[in-house]
Amino acid sequence: MSTHGSSPRSAQEQARVDEALRDLCEDKITFNKTLGLQLESLGPEGPIVRFDMRPELVGHYLYGRLHGGVISATLDLAGGLACMLAQSRKHQNETAEQILQRFAKLGTIDLRIDYLRPGIGKRFYASALVTRLGGRIGSTQMRLESDAGTIIATGAASYVIS
């Protein structure tokens, strides 16, 4: 853990980190905004991303199923967010600006999605947890559920984090 003799981040500074992360994911990454992705939670158990089904997200026009690319992009965001949150917690002594510089280095290396069931629902929730956080690489496992609690897809990803 990075401490460098400094005290942990204050609650006010942590709120700045959380708000910057929300702004990055919901507004600055315009593709996420197009999909309607919103951060439901940035809790200690990992991030939760939600979005509502809309006609623009349909991939199978006859059945109104969610497009696989939307599923993949959402799970990729959840995995990346999990790594960002883990980095933020690992470097508790750093300011919001320093943490944002770390976030700027994050990129997807590998992404695997298993499509388990048709994407049917009114609202969807993606969650992720970090399985390993190294010095340069972070690994995650993700899942997408419908509002009925049905698991639609799972994923695994690796991210460069430094």
N, C-alpha and C. Protein backbone atom coordinates (compact mmCIF):
# COMPACT_ATOMS: atom_id res chain seq x y z
N MET A 1 0.84 -1.18 0.00
CA MET A 1 0.00 0.00 0.00
C MET A 1 0.89 1.24 0.00
N SER A 2 0.51 2.22 -0.75
CA SER A 2 1.28 3.45 -0.86
C SER A 2 0.91 4.39 0.27
N THR A 3 1.88 4.65 1.17
CA THR A 3 1.58 5.56 2.27
C THR A 3 2.51 6.75 2.27
N HIS A 4 3.78 6.55 1.99
CA HIS A 4 4.76 7.63 1.88
C HIS A 4 4.70 8.60 3.05
N GLY A 5 4.33 8.10 4.25
CA GLY A 5 4.33 8.95 5.43
C GLY A 5 3.17 9.92 5.53
N SER A 6 2.24 9.89 4.61
CA SER A 6 1.11 10.82 4.63
C SER A 6 -0.09 10.15 5.29
N SER A 7 -1.00 10.97 5.77
CA SER A 7 -2.22 10.43 6.36
C SER A 7 -3.20 10.09 5.25
N PRO A 8 -4.17 9.22 5.57
CA PRO A 8 -5.17 8.86 4.55
C PRO A 8 -5.96 10.08 4.07
N ARG A 9 -6.53 9.95 2.90
CA ARG A 9 -7.32 10.99 2.28
C ARG A 9 -8.50 11.36 3.17
N SER A 10 -8.79 12.63 3.28
CA SER A 10 -9.93 13.10 4.08
C SER A 10 -11.24 12.72 3.39
N ALA A 11 -12.33 12.75 4.14
CA ALA A 11 -13.65 12.46 3.58
C ALA A 11 -13.99 13.44 2.46
N GLN A 12 -13.60 14.70 2.64
CA GLN A 12 -13.85 15.71 1.61
C GLN A 12 -13.06 15.40 0.33
N GLU A 13 -11.80 15.02 0.50
CA GLU A 13 -10.98 14.69 -0.67
C GLU A 13 -11.50 13.40 -1.33
N GLN A 14 -11.97 12.43 -0.54
CA GLN A 14 -12.53 11.20 -1.10
C GLN A 14 -13.79 11.52 -1.90
N ALA A 15 -14.59 12.46 -1.41
CA ALA A 15 -15.79 12.88 -2.16
C ALA A 15 -15.39 13.49 -3.49
N ARG A 16 -14.27 14.23 -3.52
CA ARG A 16 -13.77 14.81 -4.78
C ARG A 16 -13.35 13.70 -5.75
N VAL A 17 -12.69 12.66 -5.21
CA VAL A 17 -12.27 11.52 -6.05
C VAL A 17 -13.51 10.84 -6.63
N ASP A 18 -14.50 10.57 -5.77
CA ASP A 18 -15.72 9.89 -6.23
C ASP A 18 -16.46 10.72 -7.28
N GLU A 19 -16.55 12.03 -7.07
CA GLU A 19 -17.24 12.89 -8.03
C GLU A 19 -16.48 12.95 -9.36
N ALA A 20 -15.17 13.00 -9.28
CA ALA A 20 -14.36 13.02 -10.51
C ALA A 20 -14.53 11.71 -11.27
N LEU A 21 -14.60 10.60 -10.56
CA LEU A 21 -14.80 9.30 -11.19
C LEU A 21 -16.18 9.24 -11.84
N ARG A 22 -17.18 9.74 -11.16
CA ARG A 22 -18.55 9.78 -11.71
C ARG A 22 -18.58 10.65 -12.98
N ASP A 23 -17.96 11.82 -12.91
CA ASP A 23 -17.92 12.74 -14.06
C ASP A 23 -17.20 12.09 -15.25
N LEU A 24 -16.09 11.44 -14.97
CA LEU A 24 -15.33 10.76 -16.03
C LEU A 24 -16.20 9.71 -16.72
N CYS A 25 -16.84 8.87 -15.94
CA CYS A 25 -17.58 7.74 -16.50
C CYS A 25 -18.92 8.12 -17.10
N GLU A 26 -19.61 9.09 -16.53
CA GLU A 26 -20.94 9.43 -17.01
C GLU A 26 -20.95 10.55 -18.04
N ASP A 27 -19.98 11.44 -18.00
CA ASP A 27 -20.01 12.60 -18.89
C ASP A 27 -18.82 12.69 -19.85
N LYS A 28 -17.63 12.52 -19.34
CA LYS A 28 -16.45 12.71 -20.19
C LYS A 28 -16.25 11.60 -21.21
N ILE A 29 -16.61 10.38 -20.85
CA ILE A 29 -16.58 9.29 -21.83
C ILE A 29 -17.94 9.30 -22.51
N THR A 30 -18.02 10.01 -23.62
CA THR A 30 -19.32 10.29 -24.25
C THR A 30 -20.04 9.03 -24.73
N PHE A 31 -19.30 7.97 -25.05
CA PHE A 31 -19.94 6.72 -25.44
C PHE A 31 -20.79 6.18 -24.29
N ASN A 32 -20.27 6.27 -23.08
CA ASN A 32 -21.05 5.83 -21.91
C ASN A 32 -22.32 6.67 -21.76
N LYS A 33 -22.19 7.95 -22.03
CA LYS A 33 -23.34 8.85 -21.96
C LYS A 33 -24.38 8.46 -23.01
N THR A 34 -23.92 8.13 -24.22
CA THR A 34 -24.80 7.69 -25.29
C THR A 34 -25.58 6.44 -24.89
N LEU A 35 -24.90 5.52 -24.20
CA LEU A 35 -25.56 4.29 -23.75
C LEU A 35 -26.46 4.52 -22.54
N GLY A 36 -26.30 5.66 -21.87
CA GLY A 36 -27.10 5.96 -20.69
C GLY A 36 -26.56 5.30 -19.43
N LEU A 37 -25.27 4.99 -19.40
CA LEU A 37 -24.68 4.32 -18.24
C LEU A 37 -24.54 5.31 -17.08
N GLN A 38 -24.95 4.87 -15.90
CA GLN A 38 -24.87 5.69 -14.70
C GLN A 38 -24.30 4.87 -13.56
N LEU A 39 -23.53 5.55 -12.70
CA LEU A 39 -22.96 4.88 -11.54
C LEU A 39 -24.01 4.80 -10.44
N GLU A 40 -24.40 3.62 -10.12
CA GLU A 40 -25.36 3.39 -9.03
C GLU A 40 -24.64 3.45 -7.69
N SER A 41 -23.44 2.88 -7.65
CA SER A 41 -22.71 2.79 -6.38
C SER A 41 -21.21 2.68 -6.64
N LEU A 42 -20.44 3.26 -5.74
CA LEU A 42 -18.98 3.11 -5.72
C LEU A 42 -18.57 2.52 -4.37
N GLY A 43 -19.33 1.56 -3.90
CA GLY A 43 -19.12 1.00 -2.57
C GLY A 43 -17.90 0.12 -2.45
N PRO A 44 -17.59 -0.28 -1.22
CA PRO A 44 -16.42 -1.10 -0.96
C PRO A 44 -16.48 -2.48 -1.62
N GLU A 45 -17.66 -2.96 -1.93
CA GLU A 45 -17.80 -4.26 -2.60
C GLU A 45 -17.56 -4.15 -4.10
N GLY A 46 -17.37 -2.96 -4.61
CA GLY A 46 -17.12 -2.74 -6.03
C GLY A 46 -18.18 -1.85 -6.63
N PRO A 47 -17.96 -1.42 -7.87
CA PRO A 47 -18.91 -0.51 -8.51
C PRO A 47 -20.16 -1.23 -9.01
N ILE A 48 -21.24 -0.48 -9.09
CA ILE A 48 -22.45 -0.96 -9.74
C ILE A 48 -22.85 0.11 -10.76
N VAL A 49 -22.98 -0.32 -12.01
CA VAL A 49 -23.36 0.54 -13.12
C VAL A 49 -24.76 0.12 -13.56
N ARG A 50 -25.63 1.09 -13.82
CA ARG A 50 -26.98 0.76 -14.26
C ARG A 50 -27.31 1.50 -15.55
N PHE A 51 -28.27 0.94 -16.27
CA PHE A 51 -28.83 1.64 -17.43
C PHE A 51 -30.20 1.07 -17.72
N ASP A 52 -31.01 1.90 -18.35
CA ASP A 52 -32.36 1.50 -18.73
C ASP A 52 -32.38 1.04 -20.18
N MET A 53 -33.22 0.06 -20.44
CA MET A 53 -33.41 -0.41 -21.81
C MET A 53 -34.10 0.69 -22.60
N ARG A 54 -33.62 0.91 -23.82
CA ARG A 54 -34.21 1.88 -24.73
C ARG A 54 -34.19 1.28 -26.13
N PRO A 55 -35.04 1.74 -27.03
CA PRO A 55 -35.05 1.20 -28.39
C PRO A 55 -33.69 1.29 -29.09
N GLU A 56 -32.90 2.32 -28.76
CA GLU A 56 -31.58 2.49 -29.39
C GLU A 56 -30.59 1.40 -28.99
N LEU A 57 -30.88 0.63 -27.95
CA LEU A 57 -29.96 -0.39 -27.45
C LEU A 57 -30.34 -1.80 -27.89
N VAL A 58 -31.38 -1.92 -28.69
CA VAL A 58 -31.84 -3.22 -29.15
C VAL A 58 -30.88 -3.78 -30.20
N GLY A 59 -30.55 -5.06 -30.04
CA GLY A 59 -29.70 -5.75 -31.00
C GLY A 59 -30.47 -6.75 -31.84
N HIS A 60 -31.53 -7.30 -31.31
CA HIS A 60 -32.37 -8.25 -32.05
C HIS A 60 -33.74 -7.62 -32.21
N TYR A 61 -33.99 -7.09 -33.40
CA TYR A 61 -35.18 -6.28 -33.63
C TYR A 61 -36.50 -7.04 -33.46
N LEU A 62 -36.51 -8.34 -33.73
CA LEU A 62 -37.76 -9.10 -33.60
C LEU A 62 -38.16 -9.31 -32.14
N TYR A 63 -37.17 -9.48 -31.28
CA TYR A 63 -37.45 -9.80 -29.88
C TYR A 63 -37.14 -8.66 -28.91
N GLY A 64 -36.54 -7.60 -29.38
CA GLY A 64 -36.22 -6.47 -28.53
C GLY A 64 -35.15 -6.76 -27.50
N ARG A 65 -34.21 -7.61 -27.87
CA ARG A 65 -33.13 -7.97 -26.95
C ARG A 65 -32.00 -6.96 -26.98
N LEU A 66 -31.34 -6.83 -25.85
CA LEU A 66 -30.20 -5.94 -25.70
C LEU A 66 -29.06 -6.34 -26.64
N HIS A 67 -28.44 -5.36 -27.27
CA HIS A 67 -27.32 -5.59 -28.18
C HIS A 67 -26.10 -6.08 -27.40
N GLY A 68 -25.40 -7.06 -27.96
CA GLY A 68 -24.22 -7.62 -27.31
C GLY A 68 -23.11 -6.60 -27.10
N GLY A 69 -23.00 -5.63 -27.98
CA GLY A 69 -21.99 -4.59 -27.82
C GLY A 69 -22.26 -3.70 -26.61
N VAL A 70 -23.53 -3.48 -26.32
CA VAL A 70 -23.90 -2.71 -25.13
C VAL A 70 -23.49 -3.49 -23.88
N ILE A 71 -23.76 -4.79 -23.90
CA ILE A 71 -23.38 -5.65 -22.77
C ILE A 71 -21.88 -5.61 -22.57
N SER A 72 -21.13 -5.78 -23.64
CA SER A 72 -19.67 -5.78 -23.56
C SER A 72 -19.12 -4.45 -23.05
N ALA A 73 -19.62 -3.35 -23.61
CA ALA A 73 -19.14 -2.02 -23.20
C ALA A 73 -19.45 -1.75 -21.73
N THR A 74 -20.63 -2.18 -21.28
CA THR A 74 -21.02 -1.95 -19.89
C THR A 74 -20.14 -2.76 -18.94
N LEU A 75 -19.90 -4.01 -19.27
CA LEU A 75 -19.04 -4.84 -18.42
C LEU A 75 -17.60 -4.33 -18.43
N ASP A 76 -17.14 -3.83 -19.55
CA ASP A 76 -15.79 -3.25 -19.62
C ASP A 76 -15.69 -2.03 -18.70
N LEU A 77 -16.71 -1.18 -18.71
CA LEU A 77 -16.72 -0.03 -17.81
C LEU A 77 -16.70 -0.48 -16.36
N ALA A 78 -17.53 -1.46 -16.01
CA ALA A 78 -17.58 -1.93 -14.62
C ALA A 78 -16.23 -2.48 -14.19
N GLY A 79 -15.57 -3.25 -15.05
CA GLY A 79 -14.25 -3.79 -14.72
C GLY A 79 -13.21 -2.69 -14.55
N GLY A 80 -13.21 -1.72 -15.46
CA GLY A 80 -12.28 -0.60 -15.36
C GLY A 80 -12.53 0.21 -14.10
N LEU A 81 -13.79 0.42 -13.77
CA LEU A 81 -14.14 1.15 -12.54
C LEU A 81 -13.64 0.41 -11.30
N ALA A 82 -13.79 -0.90 -11.30
CA ALA A 82 -13.32 -1.69 -10.16
C ALA A 82 -11.82 -1.49 -9.96
N CYS A 83 -11.06 -1.49 -11.06
CA CYS A 83 -9.61 -1.25 -10.97
C CYS A 83 -9.32 0.17 -10.48
N MET A 84 -10.06 1.14 -10.98
CA MET A 84 -9.86 2.52 -10.54
C MET A 84 -10.13 2.67 -9.04
N LEU A 85 -11.21 2.06 -8.57
CA LEU A 85 -11.53 2.13 -7.14
C LEU A 85 -10.45 1.45 -6.30
N ALA A 86 -9.97 0.32 -6.77
CA ALA A 86 -8.91 -0.38 -6.04
C ALA A 86 -7.63 0.45 -6.01
N GLN A 87 -7.30 1.10 -7.12
CA GLN A 87 -6.13 1.99 -7.15
C GLN A 87 -6.31 3.15 -6.18
N SER A 88 -7.50 3.71 -6.15
CA SER A 88 -7.80 4.83 -5.26
C SER A 88 -7.61 4.41 -3.80
N ARG A 89 -8.07 3.22 -3.46
CA ARG A 89 -7.94 2.72 -2.08
C ARG A 89 -6.50 2.36 -1.75
N LYS A 90 -5.79 1.86 -2.74
CA LYS A 90 -4.39 1.48 -2.52
C LYS A 90 -3.52 2.70 -2.23
N HIS A 91 -3.87 3.83 -2.83
CA HIS A 91 -3.08 5.06 -2.69
C HIS A 91 -3.90 6.11 -1.93
N GLN A 92 -4.28 5.79 -0.72
CA GLN A 92 -5.13 6.64 0.11
C GLN A 92 -4.54 8.00 0.42
N ASN A 93 -3.23 8.11 0.36
CA ASN A 93 -2.58 9.39 0.70
C ASN A 93 -2.61 10.39 -0.45
N GLU A 94 -2.98 9.97 -1.64
CA GLU A 94 -2.93 10.85 -2.80
C GLU A 94 -4.19 11.71 -2.93
N THR A 95 -4.00 12.88 -3.49
CA THR A 95 -5.11 13.81 -3.71
C THR A 95 -5.96 13.35 -4.89
N ALA A 96 -7.09 14.00 -5.06
CA ALA A 96 -7.97 13.70 -6.19
C ALA A 96 -7.23 13.89 -7.51
N GLU A 97 -6.44 14.94 -7.61
CA GLU A 97 -5.71 15.20 -8.86
C GLU A 97 -4.69 14.09 -9.15
N GLN A 98 -4.00 13.62 -8.12
CA GLN A 98 -3.03 12.54 -8.32
C GLN A 98 -3.74 11.25 -8.73
N ILE A 99 -4.86 10.97 -8.10
CA ILE A 99 -5.62 9.77 -8.44
C ILE A 99 -6.13 9.85 -9.88
N LEU A 100 -6.60 11.03 -10.30
CA LEU A 100 -7.08 11.19 -11.67
C LEU A 100 -5.96 10.95 -12.68
N GLN A 101 -4.74 11.32 -12.34
CA GLN A 101 -3.60 11.03 -13.22
C GLN A 101 -3.40 9.52 -13.35
N ARG A 102 -3.63 8.78 -12.29
CA ARG A 102 -3.56 7.32 -12.36
C ARG A 102 -4.65 6.77 -13.27
N PHE A 103 -5.86 7.33 -13.14
CA PHE A 103 -6.98 6.87 -13.96
C PHE A 103 -6.70 7.08 -15.44
N ALA A 104 -5.97 8.14 -15.77
CA ALA A 104 -5.68 8.45 -17.17
C ALA A 104 -4.84 7.37 -17.84
N LYS A 105 -4.13 6.58 -17.05
CA LYS A 105 -3.26 5.54 -17.59
C LYS A 105 -3.98 4.21 -17.80
N LEU A 106 -5.20 4.07 -17.29
CA LEU A 106 -5.91 2.80 -17.35
C LEU A 106 -6.37 2.50 -18.77
N GLY A 107 -6.19 1.25 -19.19
CA GLY A 107 -6.66 0.81 -20.50
C GLY A 107 -6.94 -0.68 -20.49
N THR A 108 -7.91 -1.10 -21.28
CA THR A 108 -8.26 -2.52 -21.37
C THR A 108 -7.22 -3.27 -22.18
N ILE A 109 -6.72 -4.37 -21.62
CA ILE A 109 -5.77 -5.24 -22.31
C ILE A 109 -6.50 -6.43 -22.92
N ASP A 110 -7.37 -7.03 -22.13
CA ASP A 110 -8.07 -8.24 -22.55
C ASP A 110 -9.47 -8.22 -21.96
N LEU A 111 -10.45 -8.63 -22.76
CA LEU A 111 -11.84 -8.63 -22.31
C LEU A 111 -12.52 -9.87 -22.88
N ARG A 112 -13.10 -10.64 -21.99
CA ARG A 112 -13.85 -11.83 -22.39
C ARG A 112 -15.26 -11.72 -21.83
N ILE A 113 -16.26 -11.90 -22.69
CA ILE A 113 -17.65 -11.83 -22.28
C ILE A 113 -18.31 -13.17 -22.60
N ASP A 114 -19.03 -13.70 -21.63
CA ASP A 114 -19.85 -14.89 -21.84
C ASP A 114 -21.31 -14.45 -21.79
N TYR A 115 -21.98 -14.56 -22.94
CA TYR A 115 -23.39 -14.19 -23.05
C TYR A 115 -24.21 -15.41 -22.64
N LEU A 116 -24.90 -15.31 -21.51
CA LEU A 116 -25.57 -16.46 -20.92
C LEU A 116 -27.05 -16.55 -21.27
N ARG A 117 -27.71 -15.40 -21.33
CA ARG A 117 -29.15 -15.36 -21.61
C ARG A 117 -29.48 -14.12 -22.43
N PRO A 118 -30.63 -14.12 -23.10
CA PRO A 118 -31.02 -12.92 -23.86
C PRO A 118 -31.15 -11.71 -22.93
N GLY A 119 -30.75 -10.56 -23.43
CA GLY A 119 -30.82 -9.31 -22.67
C GLY A 119 -32.23 -8.75 -22.68
N ILE A 120 -33.06 -9.29 -21.82
CA ILE A 120 -34.45 -8.85 -21.71
C ILE A 120 -34.64 -8.20 -20.35
N GLY A 121 -35.22 -7.01 -20.33
CA GLY A 121 -35.48 -6.33 -19.06
C GLY A 121 -35.73 -4.86 -19.29
N LYS A 122 -36.12 -4.18 -18.24
CA LYS A 122 -36.34 -2.73 -18.30
C LYS A 122 -35.12 -1.97 -17.82
N ARG A 123 -34.37 -2.57 -16.88
CA ARG A 123 -33.17 -1.94 -16.34
C ARG A 123 -32.14 -3.04 -16.11
N PHE A 124 -30.87 -2.67 -16.28
CA PHE A 124 -29.78 -3.63 -16.12
C PHE A 124 -28.75 -3.08 -15.15
N TYR A 125 -28.07 -4.00 -14.46
CA TYR A 125 -27.05 -3.64 -13.47
C TYR A 125 -25.79 -4.45 -13.72
N ALA A 126 -24.67 -3.75 -13.81
CA ALA A 126 -23.37 -4.40 -13.96
C ALA A 126 -22.57 -4.20 -12.69
N SER A 127 -21.90 -5.26 -12.27
CA SER A 127 -21.04 -5.18 -11.09
C SER A 127 -19.70 -5.81 -11.44
N ALA A 128 -18.68 -5.47 -10.65
CA ALA A 128 -17.35 -6.02 -10.90
C ALA A 128 -16.56 -6.06 -9.61
N LEU A 129 -15.64 -7.01 -9.55
CA LEU A 129 -14.71 -7.04 -8.44
C LEU A 129 -13.31 -7.36 -8.97
N VAL A 130 -12.34 -6.83 -8.26
CA VAL A 130 -10.95 -7.03 -8.64
C VAL A 130 -10.49 -8.38 -8.10
N THR A 131 -9.93 -9.19 -8.97
CA THR A 131 -9.38 -10.48 -8.55
C THR A 131 -7.88 -10.39 -8.28
N ARG A 132 -7.23 -9.41 -8.90
CA ARG A 132 -5.81 -9.16 -8.65
C ARG A 132 -5.46 -7.74 -9.04
N LEU A 133 -4.73 -7.07 -8.17
CA LEU A 133 -4.26 -5.72 -8.46
C LEU A 133 -2.74 -5.72 -8.26
N GLY A 134 -2.04 -5.77 -9.36
CA GLY A 134 -0.58 -5.74 -9.30
C GLY A 134 -0.07 -4.32 -9.46
N GLY A 135 1.21 -4.20 -9.72
CA GLY A 135 1.82 -2.89 -9.91
C GLY A 135 1.49 -2.29 -11.27
N ARG A 136 1.29 -3.15 -12.28
CA ARG A 136 1.03 -2.66 -13.63
C ARG A 136 -0.28 -3.17 -14.22
N ILE A 137 -0.77 -4.31 -13.73
CA ILE A 137 -1.94 -4.96 -14.32
C ILE A 137 -2.98 -5.23 -13.23
N GLY A 138 -4.25 -4.99 -13.57
CA GLY A 138 -5.36 -5.34 -12.69
C GLY A 138 -6.28 -6.30 -13.42
N SER A 139 -6.81 -7.28 -12.69
CA SER A 139 -7.73 -8.27 -13.28
C SER A 139 -9.06 -8.21 -12.54
N THR A 140 -10.14 -8.39 -13.30
CA THR A 140 -11.48 -8.28 -12.72
C THR A 140 -12.39 -9.39 -13.23
N GLN A 141 -13.48 -9.59 -12.49
CA GLN A 141 -14.60 -10.41 -12.93
C GLN A 141 -15.85 -9.54 -12.85
N MET A 142 -16.70 -9.65 -13.86
CA MET A 142 -17.88 -8.79 -13.95
C MET A 142 -19.13 -9.63 -14.22
N ARG A 143 -20.29 -9.02 -13.95
CA ARG A 143 -21.56 -9.66 -14.29
C ARG A 143 -22.61 -8.60 -14.60
N LEU A 144 -23.51 -8.95 -15.49
CA LEU A 144 -24.64 -8.08 -15.86
C LEU A 144 -25.92 -8.83 -15.52
N GLU A 145 -26.80 -8.16 -14.76
CA GLU A 145 -28.08 -8.74 -14.38
C GLU A 145 -29.22 -7.84 -14.85
N SER A 146 -30.34 -8.47 -15.12
CA SER A 146 -31.55 -7.71 -15.45
C SER A 146 -32.20 -7.23 -14.16
N ASP A 147 -33.21 -6.38 -14.29
CA ASP A 147 -33.94 -5.90 -13.13
C ASP A 147 -34.68 -7.03 -12.41
N ALA A 148 -34.87 -8.17 -13.07
CA ALA A 148 -35.51 -9.33 -12.45
C ALA A 148 -34.50 -10.21 -11.71
N GLY A 149 -33.22 -9.83 -11.76
CA GLY A 149 -32.18 -10.60 -11.09
C GLY A 149 -31.60 -11.72 -11.92
N THR A 150 -31.95 -11.77 -13.20
CA THR A 150 -31.42 -12.79 -14.10
C THR A 150 -30.02 -12.40 -14.56
N ILE A 151 -29.08 -13.31 -14.46
CA ILE A 151 -27.73 -13.05 -14.95
C ILE A 151 -27.75 -13.15 -16.47
N ILE A 152 -27.45 -12.05 -17.13
CA ILE A 152 -27.45 -11.97 -18.59
C ILE A 152 -26.09 -12.36 -19.16
N ALA A 153 -25.03 -11.88 -18.52
CA ALA A 153 -23.68 -12.14 -19.02
C ALA A 153 -22.68 -12.01 -17.88
N THR A 154 -21.55 -12.68 -18.06
CA THR A 154 -20.43 -12.53 -17.14
C THR A 154 -19.21 -12.17 -17.98
N GLY A 155 -18.18 -11.68 -17.32
CA GLY A 155 -16.98 -11.32 -18.05
C GLY A 155 -15.76 -11.38 -17.16
N ALA A 156 -14.63 -11.36 -17.81
CA ALA A 156 -13.34 -11.26 -17.13
C ALA A 156 -12.49 -10.32 -17.98
N ALA A 157 -11.69 -9.51 -17.31
CA ALA A 157 -10.88 -8.55 -18.05
C ALA A 157 -9.58 -8.26 -17.31
N SER A 158 -8.61 -7.81 -18.10
CA SER A 158 -7.34 -7.33 -17.55
C SER A 158 -7.14 -5.92 -18.06
N TYR A 159 -6.57 -5.09 -17.18
CA TYR A 159 -6.35 -3.67 -17.49
C TYR A 159 -4.94 -3.27 -17.13
N VAL A 160 -4.34 -2.44 -17.99
CA VAL A 160 -3.09 -1.82 -17.61
C VAL A 160 -3.45 -0.68 -16.67
N ILE A 161 -2.75 -0.60 -15.53
CA ILE A 161 -3.12 0.40 -14.53
C ILE A 161 -1.99 1.38 -14.24
N SER A 162 -0.84 1.19 -14.88
CA SER A 162 0.24 2.15 -14.69
C SER A 162 1.09 2.24 -15.94
